[in-house]
């Protein structure tokens, strides 16, 4: 009866859709909160339709029981969520860098709505997140992500149980890379902020009658914006490079 309901072609499409659809819900640009769910669903269906013929040879045969079918689909969903989460974590590194920068330039309390995460975030973090998504599409890195979904069928074989140990190790590496990226992008602001605060502290000790922090706050914001203007392009180029390297390690190809 199961073979009558699910033919081989429908099963193959369903199996690919389980992985591609779950990944598309989290991939940068495709899985943003401001993208309507229907659009994301249509993108996932189109991607599954396109990827099914190339990967049909490595797909497992139709399971002989509903329990086995659910296990296979569940494994594909886990793999898709893992790929999407890895890409999302690298992008979130920009938001972390923006929050660090906001602390250093005295704009940590100026929170605005972040359309990418549907919550409040720092101004610098929102700028980096939006710019990161734009640059991913402008530099065709989204093609790299889509190609990586195809290559993932050589790394994560469909029908086999996901390797929990390897996935946990890779997740640890991606989280570490995300925080490292955030600190590297924010490094100029950390250095400038440290020197500026040391100078302000010395002036406050030498001239305690001056309300130095009221004078220093506008200067700190101005100095931070100047550093942002000088370092923005370099930081975003470094983000694109780290994004490609990290996702290449996940897909097993460059």
Protein backbone atom coordinates (compact mmCIF):
# COMPACT_ATOMS: atom_id res chain seq x y z
CA UNK A 1 0.00 0.00 0.00
CA UNK A 2 2.91 2.34 0.79
CA UNK A 3 4.34 1.77 -2.69
CA UNK A 4 0.99 2.69 -4.19
CA UNK A 5 0.88 5.98 -2.28
CA UNK A 6 4.51 6.97 -2.75
CA UNK A 7 6.05 6.13 -6.10
CA UNK A 8 9.80 6.21 -6.51
CA UNK A 9 9.82 9.67 -8.09
CA UNK A 10 7.59 11.20 -5.43
CA UNK A 11 9.67 9.63 -2.67
CA UNK A 12 12.90 11.01 -4.17
CA UNK A 13 11.41 14.49 -4.42
CA UNK A 14 10.10 14.29 -0.86
CA UNK A 15 13.49 13.17 0.44
CA UNK A 16 15.31 16.02 -1.29
CA UNK A 17 12.68 18.53 -0.20
CA UNK A 18 13.11 17.45 3.44
CA UNK A 19 16.80 18.42 3.38
CA UNK A 20 16.66 21.41 1.05
CA UNK A 21 13.49 22.84 2.57
CA UNK A 22 14.76 22.69 6.14
CA UNK A 23 18.06 24.29 5.08
CA UNK A 24 16.31 27.04 3.09
CA UNK A 25 14.40 28.08 6.19
CA UNK A 26 17.70 29.18 7.79
CA UNK A 27 20.08 30.07 4.96
CA UNK A 28 21.08 33.76 4.78
CA UNK A 29 18.83 35.69 2.45
CA UNK A 30 16.37 32.84 1.94
CA UNK A 31 15.39 32.30 5.57
CA UNK A 32 15.19 35.86 6.86
CA UNK A 33 12.24 36.76 9.07
CA UNK A 34 11.07 39.43 6.62
CA UNK A 35 10.81 36.90 3.77
CA UNK A 36 7.17 35.67 3.58
CA UNK A 37 6.75 31.96 4.45
CA UNK A 38 5.06 31.31 1.09
CA UNK A 39 8.09 32.69 -0.75
CA UNK A 40 10.42 30.50 1.29
CA UNK A 41 8.22 27.48 0.58
CA UNK A 42 8.22 28.20 -3.15
CA UNK A 43 12.01 28.58 -3.14
CA UNK A 44 12.36 25.26 -1.32
CA UNK A 45 10.05 23.50 -3.78
CA UNK A 46 11.91 24.88 -6.80
CA UNK A 47 15.29 23.91 -5.34
CA UNK A 48 14.06 20.41 -4.55
CA UNK A 49 12.69 20.04 -8.08
CA UNK A 50 16.03 21.14 -9.58
CA UNK A 51 18.25 19.04 -7.29
CA UNK A 52 16.27 15.80 -7.41
CA UNK A 53 17.57 14.53 -10.80
CA UNK A 54 21.32 15.04 -10.02
CA UNK A 55 21.13 13.27 -6.64
CA UNK A 56 18.65 10.54 -7.59
CA UNK A 57 21.46 7.98 -7.95
CA UNK A 58 22.57 8.31 -4.30
CA UNK A 59 19.09 8.31 -2.76
CA UNK A 60 18.06 5.19 -0.84
CA UNK A 61 15.23 2.96 -2.09
CA UNK A 62 11.69 3.40 -0.87
CA UNK A 63 11.46 2.09 2.74
CA UNK A 64 9.25 -0.90 3.35
CA UNK A 65 7.58 0.50 6.47
CA UNK A 66 6.20 3.87 7.61
CA UNK A 67 8.53 3.84 10.62
CA UNK A 68 11.59 3.52 8.41
CA UNK A 69 10.22 6.26 6.16
CA UNK A 70 9.86 8.64 9.09
CA UNK A 71 13.40 7.88 10.26
CA UNK A 72 14.84 8.60 6.82
CA UNK A 73 12.90 11.86 6.49
CA UNK A 74 13.86 12.86 10.02
CA UNK A 75 17.53 12.32 9.25
CA UNK A 76 17.29 14.50 6.15
CA UNK A 77 15.56 17.26 8.11
CA UNK A 78 18.31 17.15 10.75
CA UNK A 79 21.00 17.46 8.07
CA UNK A 80 19.19 20.37 6.42
CA UNK A 81 18.76 22.20 9.70
CA UNK A 82 22.42 21.61 10.50
CA UNK A 83 23.56 23.15 7.19
CA UNK A 84 21.22 26.12 7.54
CA UNK A 85 22.20 26.71 11.17
CA UNK A 86 25.91 26.65 10.30
CA UNK A 87 25.44 29.34 7.65
CA UNK A 88 23.23 31.36 9.99
CA UNK A 89 25.80 31.23 12.81
CA UNK A 90 28.49 32.77 10.59
CA UNK A 91 26.10 35.57 9.65
CA UNK A 92 25.19 36.12 13.30
CA UNK A 93 28.88 36.80 13.91
CA UNK A 94 28.26 40.15 12.21
CA UNK A 95 25.56 40.98 14.74
CA UNK A 96 27.92 40.06 17.58
CA UNK A 97 30.59 42.30 16.07
CA UNK A 98 28.04 45.11 15.80
CA UNK A 99 27.14 44.80 19.48
CA UNK A 100 30.82 44.90 20.49
CA UNK A 101 31.32 47.98 18.32
CA UNK A 102 28.22 49.61 19.80
CA UNK A 103 29.66 49.16 23.31
CA UNK A 104 32.98 50.63 22.24
CA UNK A 105 31.53 53.73 20.54
CA UNK A 106 28.88 54.42 23.21
CA UNK A 107 25.85 53.41 21.14
CA UNK A 108 24.91 50.25 23.02
CA UNK A 109 21.67 51.78 24.30
CA UNK A 110 20.55 52.92 20.86
CA UNK A 111 18.58 49.79 19.95
CA UNK A 112 16.47 49.54 16.81
CA UNK A 113 14.31 46.81 15.34
CA UNK A 114 16.27 44.17 13.44
CA UNK A 115 14.15 42.84 10.55
CA UNK A 116 16.45 39.84 10.05
CA UNK A 117 15.88 38.44 13.55
CA UNK A 118 12.55 40.17 14.36
CA UNK A 119 13.96 41.61 17.58
CA UNK A 120 15.86 44.63 18.81
CA UNK A 121 19.54 45.00 18.05
CA UNK A 122 22.31 47.55 17.89
CA UNK A 123 22.52 49.99 15.00
CA UNK A 124 25.94 48.70 13.97
CA UNK A 125 24.77 45.09 14.18
CA UNK A 126 21.76 45.78 11.97
CA UNK A 127 24.00 47.54 9.46
CA UNK A 128 26.42 44.61 9.33
CA UNK A 129 23.65 42.00 9.08
CA UNK A 130 21.90 43.80 6.22
CA UNK A 131 25.18 44.49 4.43
CA UNK A 132 26.29 40.89 4.89
CA UNK A 133 23.15 39.52 3.22
CA UNK A 134 23.46 42.02 0.37
CA UNK A 135 27.11 41.13 -0.22
CA UNK A 136 26.38 37.39 -0.17
CA UNK A 137 24.00 37.88 -3.09
CA UNK A 138 26.10 40.56 -4.80
CA UNK A 139 29.18 38.29 -4.84
CA UNK A 140 27.16 35.21 -5.88
CA UNK A 141 27.95 33.38 -2.66
CA UNK A 142 24.34 32.26 -2.60
CA UNK A 143 25.22 30.17 -5.66
CA UNK A 144 27.99 28.66 -3.55
CA UNK A 145 25.43 27.78 -0.86
CA UNK A 146 23.11 26.18 -3.38
CA UNK A 147 26.01 24.25 -4.87
CA UNK A 148 26.94 23.21 -1.36
CA UNK A 149 23.49 21.72 -0.83
CA UNK A 150 24.17 19.51 -3.83
CA UNK A 151 27.65 18.62 -2.58
CA UNK A 152 26.24 17.79 0.85
CA UNK A 153 24.83 14.58 -0.58
CA UNK A 154 28.41 13.35 -0.87
CA UNK A 155 29.22 14.37 2.71
CA UNK A 156 25.95 13.40 4.42
CA UNK A 157 24.67 10.30 2.67
CA UNK A 158 20.85 10.21 2.52
CA UNK A 159 19.23 7.34 4.34
CA UNK A 160 22.11 6.94 6.80
CA UNK A 161 21.87 8.10 10.39
CA UNK A 162 23.54 11.50 10.93
CA UNK A 163 26.92 11.26 12.64
CA UNK A 164 26.13 13.03 15.89
CA UNK A 165 29.77 13.23 16.99
CA UNK A 166 31.02 14.76 13.76
CA UNK A 167 28.09 17.18 13.62
CA UNK A 168 28.70 18.28 17.21
CA UNK A 169 32.41 18.81 16.45
CA UNK A 170 31.57 20.85 13.36
CA UNK A 171 28.98 22.89 15.25
CA UNK A 172 31.63 23.73 17.86
CA UNK A 173 34.02 24.83 15.13
CA UNK A 174 31.37 27.01 13.47
CA UNK A 175 30.42 28.72 16.77
CA UNK A 176 34.12 29.32 17.47
CA UNK A 177 34.60 30.74 13.97
CA UNK A 178 31.59 33.02 14.44
CA UNK A 179 32.90 34.54 17.68
CA UNK A 180 36.41 34.78 16.23
CA UNK A 181 35.03 36.63 13.22
CA UNK A 182 33.12 39.03 15.49
CA UNK A 183 36.24 39.87 17.51
CA UNK A 184 38.38 40.26 14.38
CA UNK A 185 35.94 42.69 12.78
CA UNK A 186 35.57 44.66 16.02
CA UNK A 187 39.33 44.62 16.80
CA UNK A 188 40.02 48.20 15.55
CA UNK A 189 37.19 49.53 17.71
CA UNK A 190 38.39 47.59 20.75
CA UNK A 191 41.89 49.05 20.35
CA UNK A 192 40.69 52.60 19.75
CA UNK A 193 38.17 52.36 22.59
CA UNK A 194 40.85 51.11 24.99
CA UNK A 195 43.22 53.96 24.14
CA UNK A 196 40.41 56.54 24.26
CA UNK A 197 39.12 55.36 27.66
CA UNK A 198 42.63 55.36 29.11
CA UNK A 199 43.08 58.94 27.91
CA UNK A 200 39.72 60.00 29.32
CA UNK A 201 40.57 58.37 32.64
CA UNK A 202 43.88 60.21 32.87
CA UNK A 203 42.25 63.55 32.05
CA UNK A 204 39.56 62.92 34.67
CA UNK A 205 42.22 62.28 37.30
CA UNK A 206 44.26 65.32 36.31
CA UNK A 207 41.28 67.72 36.07
CA UNK A 208 38.51 66.36 38.31
CA UNK A 209 36.54 69.62 38.11
CA UNK A 210 35.72 68.99 34.43
CA UNK A 211 32.72 66.79 33.58
CA UNK A 212 34.92 64.86 31.23
CA UNK A 213 32.41 62.14 30.31
CA UNK A 214 29.88 64.67 29.00
CA UNK A 215 32.62 66.08 26.80
CA UNK A 216 34.06 62.69 25.83
CA UNK A 217 30.82 61.00 24.79
CA UNK A 218 30.28 62.99 21.55
CA UNK A 219 33.98 62.65 20.74
CA UNK A 220 33.82 58.89 21.31
CA UNK A 221 30.84 58.54 18.95
CA UNK A 222 32.53 60.71 16.31
CA UNK A 223 35.77 58.76 16.58
CA UNK A 224 33.87 55.47 16.36
CA UNK A 225 32.07 56.56 13.21
CA UNK A 226 35.38 57.56 11.65
CA UNK A 227 36.89 54.16 12.44
CA UNK A 228 33.76 52.51 11.05
CA UNK A 229 34.12 54.46 7.81
CA UNK A 230 37.75 53.36 7.45
CA UNK A 231 37.35 49.70 8.42
CA UNK A 232 33.91 48.76 7.05
CA UNK A 233 35.06 47.56 3.63
CA UNK A 234 37.95 45.54 5.04
CA UNK A 235 35.74 43.94 7.68
CA UNK A 236 33.08 42.90 5.17
CA UNK A 237 35.69 41.46 2.79
CA UNK A 238 37.07 39.44 5.67
CA UNK A 239 33.54 38.25 6.50
CA UNK A 240 33.00 37.03 2.93
CA UNK A 241 36.29 35.13 3.00
CA UNK A 242 35.57 33.50 6.38
CA UNK A 243 32.03 32.66 5.30
CA UNK A 244 33.25 30.84 2.19
CA UNK A 245 36.04 29.01 4.03
CA UNK A 246 33.77 27.85 6.87
CA UNK A 247 31.01 26.62 4.57
CA UNK A 248 33.61 24.93 2.33
CA UNK A 249 34.76 22.94 5.33
CA UNK A 250 31.19 21.91 6.00
CA UNK A 251 30.47 20.81 2.43
CA UNK A 252 33.84 19.15 1.97
CA UNK A 253 34.62 21.13 -1.20
CA UNK A 254 36.06 24.52 -2.13
